[in-house]
Protein backbone atom coordinates (compact mmCIF):
# COMPACT_ATOMS: atom_id res chain seq x y z
CA MET A 1 -10.00 34.61 19.83
CA SER A 2 -6.96 34.68 17.58
CA VAL A 3 -3.46 34.03 18.89
CA GLU A 4 -0.76 36.52 17.95
CA ILE A 5 2.25 34.81 16.35
CA ASP A 6 5.46 35.19 18.25
CA PRO A 7 8.30 34.45 15.77
CA ILE A 8 10.69 33.66 18.68
CA LEU A 9 8.27 31.05 19.96
CA VAL A 10 7.95 29.55 16.46
CA ALA A 11 11.72 29.13 16.33
CA VAL A 12 11.82 27.75 19.89
CA LEU A 13 9.10 25.19 19.14
CA GLN A 14 10.82 24.06 15.93
CA LYS A 15 14.16 23.50 17.73
CA ARG A 16 12.43 21.79 20.64
CA LEU A 17 10.49 19.42 18.43
CA LYS A 18 13.70 18.50 16.59
CA ALA A 19 15.48 17.97 19.95
CA ILE A 20 12.65 15.62 21.11
CA THR A 21 13.06 13.42 18.01
CA ARG A 22 16.78 13.23 18.74
CA GLU A 23 16.15 12.37 22.39
CA MET A 24 13.87 9.56 21.17
CA GLY A 25 16.73 8.34 18.94
CA LEU A 26 19.27 8.49 21.80
CA THR A 27 16.89 6.43 23.89
CA LEU A 28 16.61 3.84 21.19
CA LEU A 29 20.35 3.73 20.61
CA ARG A 30 20.98 2.97 24.28
CA THR A 31 18.21 0.49 24.89
CA ALA A 32 17.96 -1.55 21.70
CA ARG A 33 19.85 -4.84 21.65
CA SER A 34 20.28 -5.46 17.96
CA PRO A 35 23.33 -3.91 16.28
CA ILE A 36 21.04 -3.13 13.38
CA LEU A 37 19.58 -0.44 15.58
CA ASN A 38 22.28 0.50 18.08
CA GLU A 39 25.22 0.38 15.66
CA ALA A 40 23.90 0.67 12.11
CA ARG A 41 21.19 3.07 13.33
CA ASP A 42 18.66 1.73 10.85
CA PHE A 43 15.67 3.62 12.27
CA VAL A 44 13.76 6.87 12.22
CA THR A 45 12.06 8.85 14.97
CA GLY A 46 9.26 11.37 14.43
CA LEU A 47 6.50 13.50 15.89
CA TYR A 48 3.18 14.09 14.12
CA ASP A 49 0.04 16.09 14.82
CA ALA A 50 -3.34 14.56 15.67
CA LYS A 51 -4.09 13.99 11.94
CA GLY A 52 -0.68 12.41 11.27
CA ARG A 53 0.96 15.42 9.65
CA MET A 54 4.69 15.68 10.21
CA LEU A 55 5.79 17.94 13.03
CA GLU A 56 9.45 16.94 12.93
CA GLN A 57 11.59 13.91 12.17
CA THR A 58 15.13 12.72 12.65
CA GLU A 59 16.17 10.20 9.96
CA TYR A 60 18.93 8.12 11.36
CA ILE A 61 19.05 6.33 8.00
CA PRO A 62 18.06 8.32 4.91
CA VAL A 63 15.83 5.73 3.22
CA LEU A 64 13.27 6.08 6.02
CA ALA A 65 12.58 9.75 5.17
CA PHE A 66 8.93 9.02 4.27
CA ALA A 67 8.41 5.80 6.21
CA LEU A 68 6.32 7.01 9.15
CA GLN A 69 4.03 9.85 8.10
CA PRO A 70 1.68 7.90 5.72
CA VAL A 71 1.22 5.17 8.33
CA CYS A 72 0.56 7.67 11.12
CA ALA A 73 -2.19 9.31 9.04
CA HIS A 74 -3.56 5.82 8.26
CA ILE A 75 -3.74 4.85 11.95
CA ALA A 76 -5.26 8.20 12.97
CA GLN A 77 -8.05 7.62 10.44
CA LYS A 78 -8.54 3.91 10.94
CA PHE A 79 -8.80 4.10 14.73
CA ALA A 80 -10.59 7.45 14.93
CA GLY A 81 -12.82 7.38 18.05
CA ASP A 82 -10.85 4.45 19.53
CA ILE A 83 -7.58 6.13 20.47
CA HIS A 84 -6.81 6.58 24.16
CA PRO A 85 -4.02 7.69 26.48
CA GLY A 86 -1.56 4.85 26.93
CA ASP A 87 -2.37 3.12 23.63
CA VAL A 88 0.50 1.72 21.49
CA PHE A 89 0.11 0.63 17.84
CA LEU A 90 2.45 -1.48 15.71
CA HIS A 91 2.63 -1.61 11.93
CA ASN A 92 4.80 -2.97 9.13
CA ASP A 93 2.33 -3.72 6.26
CA VAL A 94 3.64 -2.48 2.92
CA PHE A 95 0.20 -2.37 1.45
CA SER A 96 -1.10 0.20 3.96
CA GLY A 97 1.73 2.68 3.95
CA GLY A 98 4.77 0.64 5.04
CA ASN A 99 8.07 0.73 3.20
CA GLN A 100 9.54 -2.73 4.02
CA ASN A 101 8.31 -5.75 5.94
CA ASN A 102 11.23 -5.77 8.31
CA ASP A 103 10.77 -2.09 9.22
CA VAL A 104 8.33 -2.23 12.11
CA ALA A 105 6.89 1.02 13.49
CA ALA A 106 5.57 1.79 16.98
CA PHE A 107 3.16 4.70 17.46
CA LYS A 108 2.01 6.30 20.71
CA PRO A 109 -0.65 8.97 20.90
CA VAL A 110 -0.15 12.15 22.91
CA PHE A 111 -3.06 13.65 24.85
CA HIS A 112 -3.51 17.07 26.54
CA GLU A 113 -6.58 17.79 28.65
CA GLY A 114 -8.29 14.68 27.29
CA LYS A 115 -7.75 15.59 23.60
CA LEU A 116 -5.51 13.83 21.09
CA VAL A 117 -2.94 16.41 20.07
CA ALA A 118 -0.01 14.52 18.59
CA TRP A 119 1.78 11.22 17.94
CA ALA A 120 5.27 9.92 18.79
CA ALA A 121 6.66 7.21 16.57
CA CYS A 122 9.78 5.07 16.04
CA LYS A 123 10.43 2.74 13.13
CA GLY A 124 13.35 0.37 12.94
CA HIS A 125 14.62 -2.60 10.88
CA GLN A 126 14.11 -5.81 12.78
CA ALA A 127 16.47 -8.81 12.74
CA ASP A 128 13.62 -11.18 11.81
CA ILE A 129 9.99 -10.69 10.82
CA GLY A 130 8.79 -14.25 10.28
CA GLY A 131 8.11 -15.61 6.80
CA ALA A 132 9.81 -18.42 4.98
CA VAL A 133 13.45 -17.58 5.82
CA ALA A 134 15.24 -16.08 8.80
CA GLY A 135 15.95 -12.41 8.50
CA GLY A 136 13.12 -11.67 6.09
CA TYR A 137 15.03 -11.57 2.77
CA ASN A 138 13.69 -14.46 0.70
CA PRO A 139 14.90 -14.37 -2.96
CA GLU A 140 12.44 -17.21 -3.74
CA ALA A 141 9.39 -15.22 -2.56
CA ARG A 142 6.62 -14.72 -5.08
CA GLU A 143 4.11 -13.15 -2.68
CA VAL A 144 4.18 -11.17 0.55
CA TRP A 145 3.23 -14.14 2.78
CA GLN A 146 6.47 -15.90 1.78
CA GLU A 147 8.40 -12.91 3.02
CA ALA A 148 7.07 -11.89 6.38
CA LEU A 149 4.40 -11.73 9.02
CA ARG A 150 2.13 -8.89 7.97
CA ILE A 151 1.27 -6.48 10.79
CA PRO A 152 -1.47 -4.11 9.69
CA ALA A 153 -2.14 -1.27 12.10
CA ILE A 154 -2.85 -3.09 15.36
CA LYS A 155 -3.20 -2.00 18.96
CA VAL A 156 -0.80 -3.91 21.22
CA VAL A 157 -1.22 -1.76 24.34
CA GLU A 158 -4.68 -0.43 25.26
CA ALA A 159 -5.00 2.39 27.77
CA GLY A 160 -1.61 1.42 29.27
CA LYS A 161 -2.38 -2.33 29.51
CA LEU A 162 -0.54 -4.79 27.30
CA ARG A 163 -2.85 -6.89 25.11
CA ARG A 164 -0.95 -10.10 25.92
CA ASP A 165 -2.78 -12.27 23.43
CA VAL A 166 -2.07 -9.93 20.55
CA TRP A 167 1.53 -9.44 21.63
CA ASP A 168 2.13 -13.20 21.96
CA LEU A 169 0.51 -13.90 18.54
CA ILE A 170 2.91 -11.47 16.85
CA PHE A 171 6.09 -12.75 18.52
CA ALA A 172 5.13 -16.40 18.24
CA ASN A 173 5.66 -15.88 14.49
CA ILE A 174 9.07 -14.25 14.85
CA ARG A 175 12.15 -16.35 15.30
CA LEU A 176 14.47 -14.18 17.40
CA PRO A 177 13.67 -13.06 20.97
CA ILE A 178 15.85 -9.99 20.39
CA VAL A 179 13.08 -8.56 18.12
CA GLU A 180 10.62 -8.43 20.99
CA GLU A 181 13.19 -6.60 23.10
CA ASP A 182 13.91 -4.11 20.29
CA ILE A 183 10.21 -3.39 19.85
CA ARG A 184 10.00 -2.64 23.57
CA ALA A 185 12.93 -0.24 23.08
CA GLN A 186 11.05 1.47 20.27
CA ILE A 187 8.00 1.84 22.49
CA GLY A 188 10.24 3.34 25.09
CA GLY A 189 11.48 5.86 22.55
CA CYS A 190 7.87 6.74 21.83
CA THR A 191 7.22 7.23 25.53
CA VAL A 192 10.08 9.70 25.74
CA GLY A 193 8.57 11.65 22.87
CA GLU A 194 5.06 11.48 24.40
CA ARG A 195 6.22 12.90 27.71
CA ALA A 196 8.20 15.73 26.10
CA VAL A 197 5.39 16.77 23.72
CA ALA A 198 2.85 16.59 26.55
CA ALA A 199 5.06 18.95 28.56
CA LEU A 200 5.11 21.40 25.64
CA PHE A 201 1.32 21.46 25.50
CA ALA A 202 1.07 21.84 29.29
CA ARG A 203 3.41 24.82 29.16
CA TYR A 204 1.95 26.75 26.20
CA GLY A 205 -1.56 25.38 25.73
CA THR A 206 -3.18 23.74 22.77
CA LYS A 207 -4.27 26.87 20.98
CA THR A 208 -0.86 28.48 21.11
CA ILE A 209 0.94 25.33 20.01
CA GLU A 210 -1.40 24.58 17.13
CA THR A 211 -1.42 28.19 15.87
CA HIS A 212 2.37 28.43 15.97
CA VAL A 213 2.88 25.04 14.38
CA ALA A 214 0.55 26.04 11.51
CA HIS A 215 2.75 29.14 11.05
CA LEU A 216 5.82 26.91 11.11
CA PHE A 217 4.34 24.72 8.40
CA ASP A 218 3.64 27.76 6.23
CA ALA A 219 7.14 29.18 6.79
CA THR A 220 8.72 25.83 5.87
CA GLU A 221 6.58 25.61 2.74
CA ARG A 222 7.74 29.10 1.69
CA LYS A 223 11.40 28.08 2.12
CA VAL A 224 10.91 24.89 0.07
CA ARG A 225 9.09 26.86 -2.65
CA HIS A 226 11.96 29.33 -2.72
CA GLU A 227 14.46 26.42 -3.20
CA ILE A 228 12.38 25.02 -6.07
CA GLY A 229 12.11 28.45 -7.59
CA GLN A 230 15.90 28.44 -8.07
CA ILE A 231 15.49 25.62 -10.62
CA PRO A 232 14.69 26.78 -14.15
CA ASN A 233 11.13 25.85 -15.26
CA GLY A 234 10.97 22.91 -17.53
CA THR A 235 10.78 19.17 -17.88
CA TYR A 236 13.80 17.06 -16.97
CA ARG A 237 13.95 13.42 -17.99
CA GLY A 238 16.07 10.59 -16.81
CA ARG A 239 16.27 6.83 -17.22
CA SER A 240 18.05 4.13 -15.23
CA THR A 241 18.20 0.38 -15.35
CA ALA A 242 17.81 -2.07 -12.47
CA PHE A 243 19.32 -5.46 -13.29
CA TYR A 244 17.74 -8.81 -12.44
CA ASP A 245 14.11 -9.18 -11.51
CA GLY A 246 14.77 -11.88 -8.98
CA ILE A 247 13.88 -14.75 -11.31
CA HIS A 248 15.24 -14.44 -14.86
CA ASP A 249 18.97 -14.19 -15.52
CA GLY A 250 19.81 -11.16 -17.62
CA SER A 251 16.50 -9.46 -16.96
CA ARG A 252 16.34 -5.69 -16.75
CA MET A 253 13.80 -3.17 -15.34
CA GLU A 254 13.65 0.38 -16.52
CA ILE A 255 13.15 3.38 -14.25
CA ASN A 256 11.56 6.18 -16.17
CA LEU A 257 11.47 9.56 -14.39
CA GLU A 258 10.16 12.89 -15.57
CA VAL A 259 10.71 15.85 -13.27
CA ARG A 260 8.56 18.86 -13.99
CA VAL A 261 9.34 22.23 -12.43
CA ALA A 262 6.71 24.94 -12.64
CA ASP A 263 7.69 28.05 -10.77
CA ASP A 264 7.70 26.94 -7.06
CA GLU A 265 6.34 23.44 -7.44
CA ILE A 266 7.93 20.19 -8.49
CA CYS A 267 6.50 16.92 -9.75
CA PHE A 268 8.27 13.54 -9.94
CA ASP A 269 6.52 11.30 -12.45
CA PHE A 270 7.51 7.62 -12.78
CA THR A 271 4.97 6.83 -15.49
CA GLY A 272 6.43 4.39 -18.02
CA SER A 273 8.64 2.47 -15.61
CA SER A 274 8.68 -1.31 -15.94
CA PRO A 275 5.81 -3.37 -14.60
CA GLN A 276 6.17 -5.27 -11.28
CA THR A 277 7.94 -8.58 -11.33
CA GLN A 278 7.06 -11.99 -9.84
CA GLY A 279 10.22 -11.80 -7.78
CA PHE A 280 10.98 -9.84 -4.64
CA VAL A 281 12.66 -7.03 -6.58
CA ASN A 282 9.70 -4.67 -6.30
CA ALA A 283 9.14 -1.56 -4.15
CA PRO A 284 5.99 -0.45 -2.38
CA TYR A 285 4.90 3.19 -2.91
CA ALA A 286 6.37 4.38 0.44
CA ALA A 287 9.89 3.07 -0.41
CA THR A 288 10.01 4.92 -3.78
CA ALA A 289 8.53 8.09 -2.30
CA SER A 290 11.07 7.99 0.54
CA ALA A 291 13.92 7.68 -2.01
CA VAL A 292 12.59 10.72 -3.92
CA ILE A 293 12.20 12.86 -0.84
CA LEU A 294 15.58 12.01 0.64
CA THR A 295 17.25 12.83 -2.65
CA PHE A 296 15.37 16.10 -2.82
CA LEU A 297 16.49 16.91 0.76
CA MET A 298 20.11 16.48 -0.32
CA LEU A 299 19.65 19.21 -2.95
CA ILE A 300 18.05 21.95 -0.89
CA ASP A 301 18.97 24.00 2.20
CA PRO A 302 19.82 21.39 4.92
CA ASP A 303 18.52 23.73 7.64
CA ILE A 304 14.90 23.57 6.43
CA PRO A 305 12.79 21.85 9.09
CA HIS A 306 11.34 18.45 8.34
CA ASN A 307 7.61 19.03 8.78
CA ASP A 308 4.39 18.98 6.76
CA GLY A 309 5.30 22.21 4.90
CA LEU A 310 8.30 20.39 3.33
CA THR A 311 6.15 18.12 1.20
CA ARG A 312 3.37 20.53 0.16
CA PRO A 313 5.09 21.74 -3.05
CA ILE A 314 6.12 18.18 -4.01
CA ARG A 315 3.96 15.85 -6.07
CA ILE A 316 4.86 12.22 -6.81
CA ILE A 317 3.12 10.28 -9.59
CA ASN A 318 3.95 6.55 -9.37
CA PRO A 319 1.26 4.38 -11.07
CA GLN A 320 0.38 1.19 -9.17
CA GLY A 321 1.48 -1.97 -10.89
CA SER A 322 5.03 -0.88 -11.76
CA PHE A 323 7.98 -2.41 -9.95
CA LEU A 324 8.30 0.95 -8.18
CA ASN A 325 4.73 0.73 -6.78
CA ALA A 326 3.83 -2.94 -6.73
CA ALA A 327 0.25 -4.02 -6.26
CA TYR A 328 -0.91 -6.45 -3.58
CA PRO A 329 0.14 -9.21 -2.89
CA ALA A 330 3.55 -8.77 -4.57
CA ALA A 331 6.84 -9.64 -2.92
CA THR A 332 8.71 -6.41 -2.16
CA THR A 333 11.49 -6.94 0.37
CA PHE A 334 14.43 -5.99 -1.84
CA GLY A 335 12.67 -2.90 -3.25
CA ASN A 336 13.56 -0.81 -0.21
CA SER A 337 17.24 -1.41 -0.98
CA LEU A 338 16.78 -1.01 -4.69
CA THR A 339 15.24 2.46 -4.60
CA GLY A 340 17.45 4.39 -2.15
CA PRO A 341 20.76 4.67 -0.31
CA THR A 342 20.97 2.95 3.04
CA SER A 343 24.08 4.60 4.53
CA ASP A 344 23.84 6.60 7.73
CA ALA A 345 22.79 10.22 7.29
């Protein structure tokens, strides 16, 4: 049985989803202890569907525009069949979708009538993440293990019960107790999102929500395609130079970008950029993609919702092995700062 689309409900759902991500952010601002989070607001909050597709985000710092969705999709796939109400996952690994080692994400699944329907997530920059030096920025690093404790997707709360051994293992490798408290604050933000999304599903039902969200994705895609369509078709080329590879004085790295516009689609191609370095001045794929998307967002209608439809007309080509998409096990901490602005949105 098909569900008739109510355009008013589509608009209400979009505004409510946005409001939930902001409520999650307000929770984090008022419960986190580190000024990195509660003053600098170096975090992002988001909601995603069961497959990890973006429902809505609020980027409290622009460089995190693409920092949650790839990891959410990764977790949904990796733990398929082993995701339960009350679970909490942590992640920071730059080689499985993360953007920077210090940016740790918490994910909480949302269930309705026993079915996984969505995810709530918060990612924030932590004051320490282990590794060779306090704070996580190690200019002498030549590999990821000299920078940070790697946290691949890992379940720290299972069905509402803290996995104390896993939790203690992580925080035994982090210098500052404040980080543990800030991660708890992020989990609290996820809980706020979980409750609010569950209430939406309880009110409208799974079929109605999913049908109207699909319509919202399509409507967003049309708006983005319209914005791209205002750009004359063609190929636009640009080059820029990043100075100092982290090891050799006077070294330079070239950023080569070709932007191709074809009617209502756009492609950002970094082919030809300099190879990755031995130093920590590299970027993982997610950091470069986030910088591209946040820049694109600055050039289009600011009222366009931030959901899966936003990225459908966008293609990013960023060959692995360049300093803009460094291959494992490269050092990458500074790449997140190198590729994008970090000022508050």
